[in-house]
């Protein structure tokens, strides 16, 4: 059994990746063709959206590091998913399918907007209300450390801890080898430990 401090840090880590809690506004209609209203296809897709939307929003937030952009990305991703819903042959794999669409839509958005390098200090300050936790300073600190991780490290970590992906599934999702995924996960955790000063080491240069 882990010692008490380690169990506490692990619990904080799990809670940090599970949040922050974001309550997305009601989505506009995803069904662009009125002839589709009331069909079994619409009901099935609507049920999947209702079940998966909170996770999609959280995933998009950790990718985009911006609440409004995350909501826009998910909205566009759901529209794309609706248009290609017939391509989903196994609804048990709907979550992975939709996360892939969200990831691709996020990449399209950044390419389309050609965003400049982000000032992380300004970004953290702007998102402080989302990252902060009134009753748990350690949780807020962990979320900020996660927020500052490079995309290459943050994304596989979010997929593993928040979405429950195996390393093989992460590799397939990101187009990497399993070894590369394991390396990124190891480095991500090391960077978090360094940032949180858990192991008493100094911050990396």
N, C-alpha and C. Protein backbone atom coordinates (compact mmCIF):
# COMPACT_ATOMS: atom_id res chain seq x y z
N UNK A 1 0.84 -1.19 0.00
CA UNK A 1 0.00 0.00 0.00
C UNK A 1 0.88 1.25 0.00
N UNK A 2 0.45 2.26 -0.78
CA UNK A 2 1.21 3.51 -0.84
C UNK A 2 1.17 4.22 0.51
N UNK A 3 2.25 4.89 0.90
CA UNK A 3 2.20 5.70 2.13
C UNK A 3 1.19 6.82 1.97
N UNK A 4 0.74 7.36 3.09
CA UNK A 4 -0.33 8.36 3.06
C UNK A 4 -0.02 9.55 2.16
N UNK A 5 1.19 10.17 2.22
CA UNK A 5 1.46 11.31 1.34
C UNK A 5 1.34 10.94 -0.13
N UNK A 6 1.84 9.74 -0.50
CA UNK A 6 1.78 9.32 -1.90
C UNK A 6 0.34 9.08 -2.32
N UNK A 7 -0.47 8.49 -1.43
CA UNK A 7 -1.89 8.27 -1.76
C UNK A 7 -2.59 9.60 -1.97
N UNK A 8 -2.25 10.58 -1.14
CA UNK A 8 -2.88 11.90 -1.27
C UNK A 8 -2.50 12.54 -2.60
N UNK A 9 -1.19 12.46 -2.95
CA UNK A 9 -0.76 13.07 -4.20
C UNK A 9 -1.43 12.38 -5.39
N UNK A 10 -1.57 11.06 -5.32
CA UNK A 10 -2.22 10.34 -6.42
C UNK A 10 -3.68 10.76 -6.53
N UNK A 11 -4.35 10.94 -5.39
CA UNK A 11 -5.75 11.36 -5.42
C UNK A 11 -5.88 12.76 -6.02
N UNK A 12 -4.95 13.65 -5.66
CA UNK A 12 -4.97 15.00 -6.22
C UNK A 12 -4.76 14.95 -7.72
N UNK A 13 -3.83 14.09 -8.15
CA UNK A 13 -3.53 13.93 -9.57
C UNK A 13 -4.77 13.47 -10.33
N UNK A 14 -5.46 12.47 -9.79
CA UNK A 14 -6.68 11.95 -10.42
C UNK A 14 -7.74 13.04 -10.50
N UNK A 15 -7.93 13.78 -9.43
CA UNK A 15 -8.96 14.83 -9.41
C UNK A 15 -8.60 15.97 -10.36
N UNK A 16 -7.32 16.29 -10.45
CA UNK A 16 -6.90 17.38 -11.33
C UNK A 16 -7.19 17.06 -12.78
N UNK A 17 -6.92 15.82 -13.19
CA UNK A 17 -7.18 15.45 -14.57
C UNK A 17 -8.66 15.22 -14.83
N UNK A 18 -9.39 14.84 -13.82
CA UNK A 18 -10.83 14.63 -14.01
C UNK A 18 -11.56 15.94 -14.22
N UNK A 19 -10.99 17.03 -13.74
CA UNK A 19 -11.63 18.34 -13.88
C UNK A 19 -10.84 19.19 -14.81
N UNK A 20 -11.03 20.48 -14.82
CA UNK A 20 -12.01 21.16 -14.00
C UNK A 20 -13.43 20.96 -14.50
N UNK A 21 -14.39 21.17 -13.61
CA UNK A 21 -15.78 21.01 -14.02
C UNK A 21 -16.17 22.16 -14.93
N UNK A 22 -16.60 21.82 -16.12
CA UNK A 22 -17.05 22.81 -17.08
C UNK A 22 -18.46 22.45 -17.48
N UNK A 23 -19.38 23.37 -17.29
CA UNK A 23 -20.77 23.11 -17.65
C UNK A 23 -21.06 23.74 -19.00
N UNK A 24 -21.00 22.95 -20.08
CA UNK A 24 -21.19 23.53 -21.40
C UNK A 24 -22.62 23.98 -21.61
N UNK A 25 -22.81 25.05 -22.38
CA UNK A 25 -24.17 25.48 -22.68
C UNK A 25 -24.86 24.47 -23.57
N UNK A 26 -26.17 24.56 -23.64
CA UNK A 26 -26.90 23.65 -24.50
C UNK A 26 -26.46 23.85 -25.93
N UNK A 27 -26.20 22.74 -26.61
CA UNK A 27 -25.73 22.81 -27.99
C UNK A 27 -26.87 23.18 -28.91
N UNK A 28 -26.52 23.92 -29.99
CA UNK A 28 -27.54 24.15 -30.99
C UNK A 28 -27.81 22.83 -31.70
N UNK A 29 -28.91 22.77 -32.45
CA UNK A 29 -29.31 21.52 -33.07
C UNK A 29 -28.21 20.96 -33.95
N UNK A 30 -27.94 19.67 -33.78
CA UNK A 30 -26.94 19.00 -34.59
C UNK A 30 -27.54 18.40 -35.84
N UNK A 31 -28.83 18.46 -35.96
CA UNK A 31 -29.51 17.75 -37.03
C UNK A 31 -29.93 18.75 -38.08
N UNK A 32 -29.11 18.89 -39.09
CA UNK A 32 -29.28 19.95 -40.05
C UNK A 32 -30.39 19.66 -41.06
N UNK A 33 -30.78 18.42 -41.19
CA UNK A 33 -31.82 18.03 -42.14
C UNK A 33 -33.09 17.73 -41.37
N UNK A 34 -34.13 18.52 -41.59
CA UNK A 34 -35.35 18.35 -40.81
C UNK A 34 -36.00 16.99 -41.04
N UNK A 35 -35.69 16.34 -42.16
CA UNK A 35 -36.27 15.03 -42.44
C UNK A 35 -35.77 13.97 -41.48
N UNK A 36 -34.63 14.28 -40.81
CA UNK A 36 -34.05 13.30 -39.90
C UNK A 36 -34.65 13.36 -38.51
N UNK A 37 -35.48 14.36 -38.23
CA UNK A 37 -36.00 14.53 -36.88
C UNK A 37 -36.86 13.33 -36.48
N UNK A 38 -36.61 12.89 -35.24
CA UNK A 38 -37.42 11.80 -34.71
C UNK A 38 -37.00 10.43 -35.17
N UNK A 39 -35.96 10.33 -36.00
CA UNK A 39 -35.54 9.02 -36.48
C UNK A 39 -34.73 8.31 -35.41
N UNK A 40 -34.58 7.00 -35.59
CA UNK A 40 -33.77 6.22 -34.67
C UNK A 40 -32.31 6.69 -34.72
N UNK A 41 -31.85 7.07 -35.89
CA UNK A 41 -30.48 7.55 -36.06
C UNK A 41 -30.25 8.78 -35.18
N UNK A 42 -31.22 9.71 -35.19
CA UNK A 42 -31.08 10.92 -34.37
C UNK A 42 -31.10 10.59 -32.89
N UNK A 43 -32.01 9.71 -32.49
CA UNK A 43 -32.10 9.36 -31.07
C UNK A 43 -30.82 8.69 -30.58
N UNK A 44 -30.27 7.81 -31.40
CA UNK A 44 -29.03 7.13 -31.01
C UNK A 44 -27.88 8.13 -30.88
N UNK A 45 -27.78 9.02 -31.87
CA UNK A 45 -26.71 10.01 -31.84
C UNK A 45 -26.90 10.97 -30.67
N UNK A 46 -28.14 11.39 -30.44
CA UNK A 46 -28.41 12.29 -29.32
C UNK A 46 -28.05 11.67 -27.98
N UNK A 47 -28.33 10.38 -27.84
CA UNK A 47 -28.00 9.69 -26.59
C UNK A 47 -26.48 9.65 -26.39
N UNK A 48 -25.73 9.40 -27.47
CA UNK A 48 -24.28 9.36 -27.38
C UNK A 48 -23.72 10.74 -27.02
N UNK A 49 -24.28 11.78 -27.64
CA UNK A 49 -23.82 13.14 -27.36
C UNK A 49 -24.05 13.50 -25.90
N UNK A 50 -25.22 13.17 -25.40
CA UNK A 50 -25.55 13.50 -24.01
C UNK A 50 -24.61 12.80 -23.05
N UNK A 51 -24.26 11.54 -23.37
CA UNK A 51 -23.41 10.77 -22.47
C UNK A 51 -21.94 11.21 -22.56
N UNK A 52 -21.49 11.56 -23.76
CA UNK A 52 -20.07 11.79 -23.98
C UNK A 52 -19.66 13.26 -23.96
N UNK A 53 -20.60 14.18 -24.12
CA UNK A 53 -20.26 15.60 -24.24
C UNK A 53 -19.42 16.13 -23.08
N UNK A 54 -19.72 15.81 -21.82
CA UNK A 54 -18.86 16.33 -20.74
C UNK A 54 -17.40 15.90 -20.89
N UNK A 55 -17.16 14.63 -21.24
CA UNK A 55 -15.79 14.17 -21.44
C UNK A 55 -15.15 14.83 -22.65
N UNK A 56 -15.93 15.04 -23.71
CA UNK A 56 -15.39 15.69 -24.90
C UNK A 56 -14.98 17.13 -24.59
N UNK A 57 -15.80 17.82 -23.81
CA UNK A 57 -15.48 19.19 -23.42
C UNK A 57 -14.21 19.23 -22.57
N UNK A 58 -14.12 18.33 -21.59
CA UNK A 58 -12.92 18.31 -20.74
C UNK A 58 -11.67 18.01 -21.57
N UNK A 59 -11.79 17.03 -22.48
CA UNK A 59 -10.65 16.67 -23.32
C UNK A 59 -10.24 17.86 -24.19
N UNK A 60 -11.21 18.52 -24.80
CA UNK A 60 -10.92 19.68 -25.64
C UNK A 60 -10.30 20.81 -24.83
N UNK A 61 -10.77 20.98 -23.58
CA UNK A 61 -10.21 22.03 -22.73
C UNK A 61 -8.74 21.78 -22.45
N UNK A 62 -8.38 20.52 -22.13
CA UNK A 62 -6.98 20.23 -21.85
C UNK A 62 -6.12 20.33 -23.10
N UNK A 63 -6.73 20.15 -24.30
CA UNK A 63 -5.99 20.35 -25.54
C UNK A 63 -5.82 21.84 -25.83
N UNK A 64 -6.94 22.57 -25.78
CA UNK A 64 -6.95 23.98 -26.20
C UNK A 64 -6.52 24.94 -25.11
N UNK A 65 -6.72 24.55 -23.85
CA UNK A 65 -6.42 25.40 -22.69
C UNK A 65 -7.21 26.71 -22.75
N UNK A 66 -8.42 26.60 -23.26
CA UNK A 66 -9.29 27.77 -23.37
C UNK A 66 -10.73 27.25 -23.41
N UNK A 67 -11.57 27.75 -22.49
CA UNK A 67 -12.93 27.23 -22.37
C UNK A 67 -13.78 27.48 -23.60
N UNK A 68 -13.76 28.73 -24.10
CA UNK A 68 -14.60 29.06 -25.25
C UNK A 68 -14.16 28.28 -26.48
N UNK A 69 -12.85 28.18 -26.68
CA UNK A 69 -12.35 27.43 -27.83
C UNK A 69 -12.70 25.96 -27.71
N UNK A 70 -12.62 25.40 -26.50
CA UNK A 70 -12.98 24.00 -26.30
C UNK A 70 -14.43 23.74 -26.68
N UNK A 71 -15.33 24.65 -26.29
CA UNK A 71 -16.74 24.49 -26.62
C UNK A 71 -16.97 24.58 -28.13
N UNK A 72 -16.25 25.50 -28.79
CA UNK A 72 -16.37 25.63 -30.25
C UNK A 72 -15.86 24.37 -30.95
N UNK A 73 -14.73 23.86 -30.47
CA UNK A 73 -14.15 22.66 -31.08
C UNK A 73 -15.10 21.48 -30.96
N UNK A 74 -15.68 21.30 -29.77
CA UNK A 74 -16.60 20.18 -29.57
C UNK A 74 -17.85 20.35 -30.42
N UNK A 75 -18.37 21.56 -30.51
CA UNK A 75 -19.56 21.79 -31.34
C UNK A 75 -19.30 21.40 -32.79
N UNK A 76 -18.18 21.86 -33.33
CA UNK A 76 -17.85 21.52 -34.72
C UNK A 76 -17.58 20.03 -34.87
N UNK A 77 -16.94 19.44 -33.87
CA UNK A 77 -16.66 18.01 -33.92
C UNK A 77 -17.95 17.19 -33.93
N UNK A 78 -18.93 17.61 -33.14
CA UNK A 78 -20.20 16.90 -33.10
C UNK A 78 -20.95 17.02 -34.42
N UNK A 79 -20.84 18.17 -35.05
CA UNK A 79 -21.45 18.33 -36.37
C UNK A 79 -20.81 17.38 -37.38
N UNK A 80 -19.50 17.27 -37.34
CA UNK A 80 -18.80 16.34 -38.23
C UNK A 80 -19.18 14.90 -37.90
N UNK A 81 -19.30 14.61 -36.60
CA UNK A 81 -19.66 13.26 -36.19
C UNK A 81 -21.06 12.90 -36.68
N UNK A 82 -21.98 13.85 -36.60
CA UNK A 82 -23.35 13.60 -37.06
C UNK A 82 -23.37 13.29 -38.55
N UNK A 83 -22.60 14.06 -39.32
CA UNK A 83 -22.59 13.86 -40.78
C UNK A 83 -22.00 12.50 -41.16
N UNK A 84 -21.08 12.00 -40.35
CA UNK A 84 -20.44 10.72 -40.68
C UNK A 84 -20.83 9.61 -39.70
N UNK A 85 -21.98 9.79 -39.04
CA UNK A 85 -22.39 8.85 -38.00
C UNK A 85 -22.55 7.42 -38.53
N UNK A 86 -22.95 7.29 -39.79
CA UNK A 86 -23.14 5.96 -40.36
C UNK A 86 -21.83 5.19 -40.45
N UNK A 87 -20.70 5.91 -40.39
CA UNK A 87 -19.39 5.24 -40.45
C UNK A 87 -19.05 4.54 -39.14
N UNK A 88 -19.76 4.89 -38.07
CA UNK A 88 -19.53 4.26 -36.77
C UNK A 88 -20.29 2.93 -36.74
N UNK A 89 -19.59 1.85 -36.95
CA UNK A 89 -20.24 0.53 -37.02
C UNK A 89 -20.38 -0.14 -35.66
N UNK A 90 -19.61 0.31 -34.68
CA UNK A 90 -19.67 -0.28 -33.34
C UNK A 90 -19.80 0.85 -32.33
N UNK A 91 -21.00 1.03 -31.79
CA UNK A 91 -21.23 2.15 -30.88
C UNK A 91 -20.49 1.99 -29.55
N UNK A 92 -19.99 0.80 -29.28
CA UNK A 92 -19.16 0.61 -28.09
C UNK A 92 -17.85 1.38 -28.22
N UNK A 93 -17.48 1.72 -29.46
CA UNK A 93 -16.25 2.46 -29.70
C UNK A 93 -16.53 3.94 -29.97
N UNK A 94 -17.73 4.39 -29.63
CA UNK A 94 -18.13 5.76 -29.94
C UNK A 94 -17.24 6.79 -29.24
N UNK A 95 -16.86 6.53 -28.00
CA UNK A 95 -16.06 7.50 -27.27
C UNK A 95 -14.72 7.73 -27.95
N UNK A 96 -14.04 6.67 -28.29
CA UNK A 96 -12.75 6.80 -28.96
C UNK A 96 -12.91 7.49 -30.32
N UNK A 97 -13.98 7.13 -31.04
CA UNK A 97 -14.27 7.73 -32.35
C UNK A 97 -14.48 9.24 -32.21
N UNK A 98 -15.28 9.65 -31.23
CA UNK A 98 -15.55 11.07 -31.05
C UNK A 98 -14.34 11.83 -30.53
N UNK A 99 -13.55 11.22 -29.65
CA UNK A 99 -12.34 11.89 -29.18
C UNK A 99 -11.38 12.14 -30.33
N UNK A 100 -11.31 11.19 -31.25
CA UNK A 100 -10.45 11.36 -32.42
C UNK A 100 -10.93 12.54 -33.26
N UNK A 101 -12.24 12.65 -33.44
CA UNK A 101 -12.80 13.77 -34.21
C UNK A 101 -12.52 15.09 -33.51
N UNK A 102 -12.66 15.12 -32.18
CA UNK A 102 -12.35 16.33 -31.41
C UNK A 102 -10.89 16.72 -31.59
N UNK A 103 -10.01 15.74 -31.50
CA UNK A 103 -8.58 16.01 -31.64
C UNK A 103 -8.27 16.60 -33.02
N UNK A 104 -8.87 16.02 -34.06
CA UNK A 104 -8.62 16.51 -35.42
C UNK A 104 -9.22 17.90 -35.63
N UNK A 105 -10.39 18.12 -35.04
CA UNK A 105 -11.02 19.44 -35.18
C UNK A 105 -10.19 20.50 -34.46
N UNK A 106 -9.63 20.13 -33.31
CA UNK A 106 -8.75 21.06 -32.59
C UNK A 106 -7.55 21.41 -33.45
N UNK A 107 -6.95 20.42 -34.11
CA UNK A 107 -5.80 20.68 -34.98
C UNK A 107 -6.20 21.58 -36.15
N UNK A 108 -7.39 21.34 -36.72
CA UNK A 108 -7.86 22.18 -37.82
C UNK A 108 -8.05 23.63 -37.35
N UNK A 109 -8.60 23.77 -36.16
CA UNK A 109 -8.87 25.11 -35.64
C UNK A 109 -7.58 25.90 -35.47
N UNK A 110 -6.57 25.27 -34.91
CA UNK A 110 -5.30 25.97 -34.71
C UNK A 110 -4.64 26.29 -36.04
N UNK A 111 -4.75 25.40 -37.00
CA UNK A 111 -4.16 25.66 -38.31
C UNK A 111 -4.93 26.78 -39.01
N UNK A 112 -6.26 26.73 -38.89
CA UNK A 112 -7.10 27.72 -39.55
C UNK A 112 -6.85 29.12 -38.98
N UNK A 113 -6.73 29.20 -37.66
CA UNK A 113 -6.52 30.51 -37.02
C UNK A 113 -5.07 30.94 -37.03
N UNK A 114 -4.17 29.96 -37.29
CA UNK A 114 -2.74 30.25 -37.29
C UNK A 114 -2.35 31.04 -36.04
N UNK A 115 -2.72 30.47 -34.89
CA UNK A 115 -2.47 31.16 -33.62
C UNK A 115 -0.97 31.26 -33.35
N UNK A 116 -0.58 32.38 -32.79
CA UNK A 116 0.81 32.58 -32.43
C UNK A 116 1.11 31.82 -31.14
N UNK A 117 2.42 31.74 -30.82
CA UNK A 117 2.82 31.07 -29.60
C UNK A 117 2.09 31.66 -28.40
N UNK A 118 1.58 30.80 -27.56
CA UNK A 118 0.77 31.25 -26.43
C UNK A 118 1.66 31.72 -25.29
N UNK A 119 1.30 32.82 -24.68
CA UNK A 119 1.94 33.28 -23.46
C UNK A 119 1.29 32.53 -22.31
N UNK A 120 1.99 31.53 -21.78
CA UNK A 120 1.38 30.65 -20.78
C UNK A 120 1.04 31.39 -19.50
N UNK A 121 1.88 32.35 -19.11
CA UNK A 121 1.57 33.09 -17.89
C UNK A 121 0.25 33.82 -18.03
N UNK A 122 0.04 34.46 -19.20
CA UNK A 122 -1.22 35.17 -19.43
C UNK A 122 -2.38 34.19 -19.53
N UNK A 123 -2.13 33.04 -20.15
CA UNK A 123 -3.17 32.04 -20.31
C UNK A 123 -3.61 31.47 -18.96
N UNK A 124 -2.64 31.15 -18.11
CA UNK A 124 -2.97 30.64 -16.78
C UNK A 124 -3.76 31.67 -15.99
N UNK A 125 -3.36 32.93 -16.11
CA UNK A 125 -4.07 33.99 -15.38
C UNK A 125 -5.50 34.12 -15.89
N UNK A 126 -5.69 34.02 -17.21
CA UNK A 126 -7.02 34.16 -17.78
C UNK A 126 -7.93 33.02 -17.38
N UNK A 127 -7.36 31.82 -17.24
CA UNK A 127 -8.15 30.64 -16.91
C UNK A 127 -8.14 30.34 -15.41
N UNK A 128 -7.63 31.24 -14.61
CA UNK A 128 -7.52 31.01 -13.18
C UNK A 128 -8.83 30.58 -12.52
N UNK A 129 -9.98 31.18 -12.88
CA UNK A 129 -11.22 30.74 -12.24
C UNK A 129 -11.55 29.27 -12.49
N UNK A 130 -11.15 28.75 -13.66
CA UNK A 130 -11.40 27.34 -13.97
C UNK A 130 -10.39 26.45 -13.28
N UNK A 131 -9.13 26.87 -13.28
CA UNK A 131 -8.08 26.04 -12.72
C UNK A 131 -8.09 26.03 -11.19
N UNK A 132 -8.58 27.08 -10.59
CA UNK A 132 -8.51 27.20 -9.14
C UNK A 132 -9.55 26.34 -8.45
N UNK A 133 -9.27 26.04 -7.20
CA UNK A 133 -10.21 25.32 -6.35
C UNK A 133 -10.22 26.00 -5.00
N UNK A 134 -11.39 26.47 -4.60
CA UNK A 134 -11.48 27.27 -3.38
C UNK A 134 -11.00 26.52 -2.15
N UNK A 135 -11.23 25.18 -2.14
CA UNK A 135 -10.97 24.44 -0.91
C UNK A 135 -9.78 23.50 -1.01
N UNK A 136 -9.00 23.56 -2.08
CA UNK A 136 -7.90 22.64 -2.23
C UNK A 136 -6.78 23.29 -3.03
N UNK A 137 -5.81 23.87 -2.35
CA UNK A 137 -4.72 24.56 -3.02
C UNK A 137 -3.86 23.58 -3.80
N UNK A 138 -3.69 22.35 -3.27
CA UNK A 138 -2.87 21.36 -3.96
C UNK A 138 -3.49 20.98 -5.30
N UNK A 139 -4.82 20.90 -5.34
CA UNK A 139 -5.51 20.57 -6.58
C UNK A 139 -5.32 21.68 -7.61
N UNK A 140 -5.44 22.92 -7.17
CA UNK A 140 -5.25 24.05 -8.08
C UNK A 140 -3.81 24.08 -8.61
N UNK A 141 -2.85 23.79 -7.73
CA UNK A 141 -1.45 23.78 -8.14
C UNK A 141 -1.19 22.67 -9.15
N UNK A 142 -1.79 21.49 -8.93
CA UNK A 142 -1.61 20.38 -9.85
C UNK A 142 -2.21 20.70 -11.21
N UNK A 143 -3.40 21.32 -11.22
CA UNK A 143 -4.04 21.66 -12.49
C UNK A 143 -3.21 22.68 -13.26
N UNK A 144 -2.62 23.63 -12.55
CA UNK A 144 -1.79 24.62 -13.24
C UNK A 144 -0.56 23.95 -13.83
N UNK A 145 0.02 22.99 -13.10
CA UNK A 145 1.18 22.27 -13.62
C UNK A 145 0.80 21.47 -14.87
N UNK A 146 -0.37 20.84 -14.84
CA UNK A 146 -0.85 20.11 -16.02
C UNK A 146 -1.08 21.06 -17.19
N UNK A 147 -1.61 22.23 -16.87
CA UNK A 147 -1.90 23.24 -17.88
C UNK A 147 -0.63 23.66 -18.62
N UNK A 148 0.50 23.66 -17.91
CA UNK A 148 1.76 24.13 -18.47
C UNK A 148 2.53 23.04 -19.21
N UNK A 149 2.10 21.80 -19.11
CA UNK A 149 2.78 20.74 -19.84
C UNK A 149 2.67 20.96 -21.34
N UNK A 150 3.73 20.60 -22.08
CA UNK A 150 3.65 20.63 -23.53
C UNK A 150 2.56 19.67 -24.01
N UNK A 151 1.99 19.97 -25.18
CA UNK A 151 0.91 19.14 -25.72
C UNK A 151 1.32 17.67 -25.83
N UNK A 152 2.57 17.44 -26.24
CA UNK A 152 3.04 16.06 -26.45
C UNK A 152 2.99 15.24 -25.17
N UNK A 153 3.07 15.90 -24.02
CA UNK A 153 3.03 15.19 -22.74
C UNK A 153 1.65 15.24 -22.10
N UNK A 154 0.97 16.37 -22.25
CA UNK A 154 -0.34 16.51 -21.59
C UNK A 154 -1.39 15.59 -22.22
N UNK A 155 -1.39 15.50 -23.55
CA UNK A 155 -2.46 14.75 -24.20
C UNK A 155 -2.46 13.25 -23.85
N UNK A 156 -1.32 12.53 -23.96
CA UNK A 156 -1.37 11.12 -23.57
C UNK A 156 -1.70 10.91 -22.10
N UNK A 157 -1.26 11.85 -21.25
CA UNK A 157 -1.57 11.73 -19.83
C UNK A 157 -3.07 11.88 -19.58
N UNK A 158 -3.69 12.84 -20.25
CA UNK A 158 -5.13 13.03 -20.12
C UNK A 158 -5.88 11.80 -20.65
N UNK A 159 -5.43 11.27 -21.77
CA UNK A 159 -6.08 10.08 -22.34
C UNK A 159 -6.00 8.90 -21.39
N UNK A 160 -4.86 8.73 -20.73
CA UNK A 160 -4.68 7.59 -19.84
C UNK A 160 -5.47 7.74 -18.55
N UNK A 161 -5.32 8.89 -17.89
CA UNK A 161 -5.88 9.05 -16.55
C UNK A 161 -7.36 9.45 -16.59
N UNK A 162 -7.70 10.39 -17.48
CA UNK A 162 -9.07 10.88 -17.51
C UNK A 162 -9.98 10.00 -18.35
N UNK A 163 -9.47 9.51 -19.49
CA UNK A 163 -10.29 8.73 -20.41
C UNK A 163 -10.14 7.22 -20.23
N UNK A 164 -9.16 6.81 -19.45
CA UNK A 164 -9.00 5.38 -19.17
C UNK A 164 -8.42 4.58 -20.32
N UNK A 165 -7.70 5.25 -21.23
CA UNK A 165 -7.10 4.55 -22.37
C UNK A 165 -5.91 3.70 -21.91
N UNK A 166 -5.72 2.57 -22.57
CA UNK A 166 -4.50 1.79 -22.39
C UNK A 166 -3.40 2.43 -23.24
N UNK A 167 -2.16 2.03 -22.99
CA UNK A 167 -1.07 2.59 -23.78
C UNK A 167 -1.20 2.21 -25.25
N UNK A 168 -1.71 1.01 -25.53
CA UNK A 168 -1.94 0.62 -26.92
C UNK A 168 -2.99 1.50 -27.59
N UNK A 169 -4.05 1.81 -26.86
CA UNK A 169 -5.11 2.66 -27.41
C UNK A 169 -4.60 4.08 -27.63
N UNK A 170 -3.77 4.57 -26.70
CA UNK A 170 -3.19 5.91 -26.87
C UNK A 170 -2.30 5.93 -28.10
N UNK A 171 -1.51 4.87 -28.27
CA UNK A 171 -0.62 4.79 -29.44
C UNK A 171 -1.41 4.84 -30.73
N UNK A 172 -2.53 4.10 -30.78
CA UNK A 172 -3.36 4.10 -31.98
C UNK A 172 -4.01 5.46 -32.20
N UNK A 173 -4.43 6.08 -31.12
CA UNK A 173 -5.11 7.38 -31.19
C UNK A 173 -4.16 8.47 -31.69
N UNK A 174 -2.91 8.43 -31.23
CA UNK A 174 -1.95 9.48 -31.56
C UNK A 174 -1.05 9.13 -32.74
N UNK A 175 -1.15 7.89 -33.23
CA UNK A 175 -0.28 7.48 -34.33
C UNK A 175 1.16 7.30 -33.91
N UNK A 176 1.36 6.80 -32.68
CA UNK A 176 2.70 6.59 -32.14
C UNK A 176 2.91 5.11 -31.85
N UNK A 177 4.15 4.74 -31.57
CA UNK A 177 4.42 3.40 -31.08
C UNK A 177 4.11 3.34 -29.59
N UNK A 178 3.90 2.15 -29.08
CA UNK A 178 3.63 2.02 -27.65
C UNK A 178 4.83 2.50 -26.84
N UNK A 179 6.04 2.24 -27.35
CA UNK A 179 7.24 2.69 -26.65
C UNK A 179 7.29 4.20 -26.54
N UNK A 180 6.91 4.89 -27.61
CA UNK A 180 6.90 6.35 -27.59
C UNK A 180 5.88 6.87 -26.59
N UNK A 181 4.73 6.21 -26.52
CA UNK A 181 3.70 6.61 -25.55
C UNK A 181 4.21 6.44 -24.12
N UNK A 182 4.83 5.30 -23.85
CA UNK A 182 5.35 5.04 -22.51
C UNK A 182 6.40 6.10 -22.13
N UNK A 183 7.23 6.46 -23.10
CA UNK A 183 8.24 7.49 -22.84
C UNK A 183 7.60 8.82 -22.51
N UNK A 184 6.58 9.20 -23.27
CA UNK A 184 5.90 10.48 -23.03
C UNK A 184 5.19 10.49 -21.68
N UNK A 185 4.57 9.37 -21.33
CA UNK A 185 3.89 9.29 -20.04
C UNK A 185 4.89 9.40 -18.90
N UNK A 186 6.02 8.71 -19.03
CA UNK A 186 7.05 8.78 -18.00
C UNK A 186 7.55 10.21 -17.85
N UNK A 187 7.84 10.87 -18.97
CA UNK A 187 8.35 12.23 -18.91
C UNK A 187 7.30 13.21 -18.39
N UNK A 188 6.05 12.97 -18.75
CA UNK A 188 4.98 13.85 -18.26
C UNK A 188 4.90 13.79 -16.74
N UNK A 189 4.94 12.58 -16.20
CA UNK A 189 4.86 12.43 -14.74
C UNK A 189 6.09 13.02 -14.06
N UNK A 190 7.25 12.83 -14.70
CA UNK A 190 8.47 13.39 -14.12
C UNK A 190 8.40 14.92 -14.09
N UNK A 191 7.90 15.51 -15.17
CA UNK A 191 7.77 16.96 -15.22
C UNK A 191 6.79 17.46 -14.16
N UNK A 192 5.71 16.70 -13.95
CA UNK A 192 4.75 17.10 -12.92
C UNK A 192 5.37 17.00 -11.53
N UNK A 193 6.10 15.90 -11.28
CA UNK A 193 6.76 15.76 -9.97
C UNK A 193 7.74 16.90 -9.75
N UNK A 194 8.47 17.26 -10.80
CA UNK A 194 9.42 18.36 -10.68
C UNK A 194 8.70 19.67 -10.39
N UNK A 195 7.63 19.92 -11.16
CA UNK A 195 6.89 21.17 -10.97
C UNK A 195 6.27 21.26 -9.59
N UNK A 196 5.82 20.13 -9.07
CA UNK A 196 5.19 20.10 -7.75
C UNK A 196 6.20 19.94 -6.64
N UNK A 197 7.50 19.77 -7.00
CA UNK A 197 8.56 19.58 -6.01
C UNK A 197 8.29 18.39 -5.10
N UNK A 198 7.66 17.34 -5.67
CA UNK A 198 7.30 16.16 -4.89
C UNK A 198 8.53 15.40 -4.47
N UNK A 199 9.50 15.31 -5.41
CA UNK A 199 10.68 14.49 -5.10
C UNK A 199 11.84 15.30 -4.57
N UNK A 200 11.61 16.61 -4.37
CA UNK A 200 12.65 17.46 -3.78
C UNK A 200 13.70 17.90 -4.77
N UNK A 201 13.52 17.60 -6.08
CA UNK A 201 14.49 18.03 -7.06
C UNK A 201 14.21 19.46 -7.48
N UNK A 202 15.17 20.06 -8.12
CA UNK A 202 14.99 21.41 -8.60
C UNK A 202 14.28 21.36 -9.95
N UNK A 203 13.64 22.46 -10.31
CA UNK A 203 12.97 22.52 -11.60
C UNK A 203 13.97 22.33 -12.72
N UNK A 204 13.47 21.69 -13.79
CA UNK A 204 14.31 21.46 -14.96
C UNK A 204 14.57 22.80 -15.66
N UNK A 205 15.70 22.85 -16.31
CA UNK A 205 16.04 24.07 -17.03
C UNK A 205 15.15 24.21 -18.25
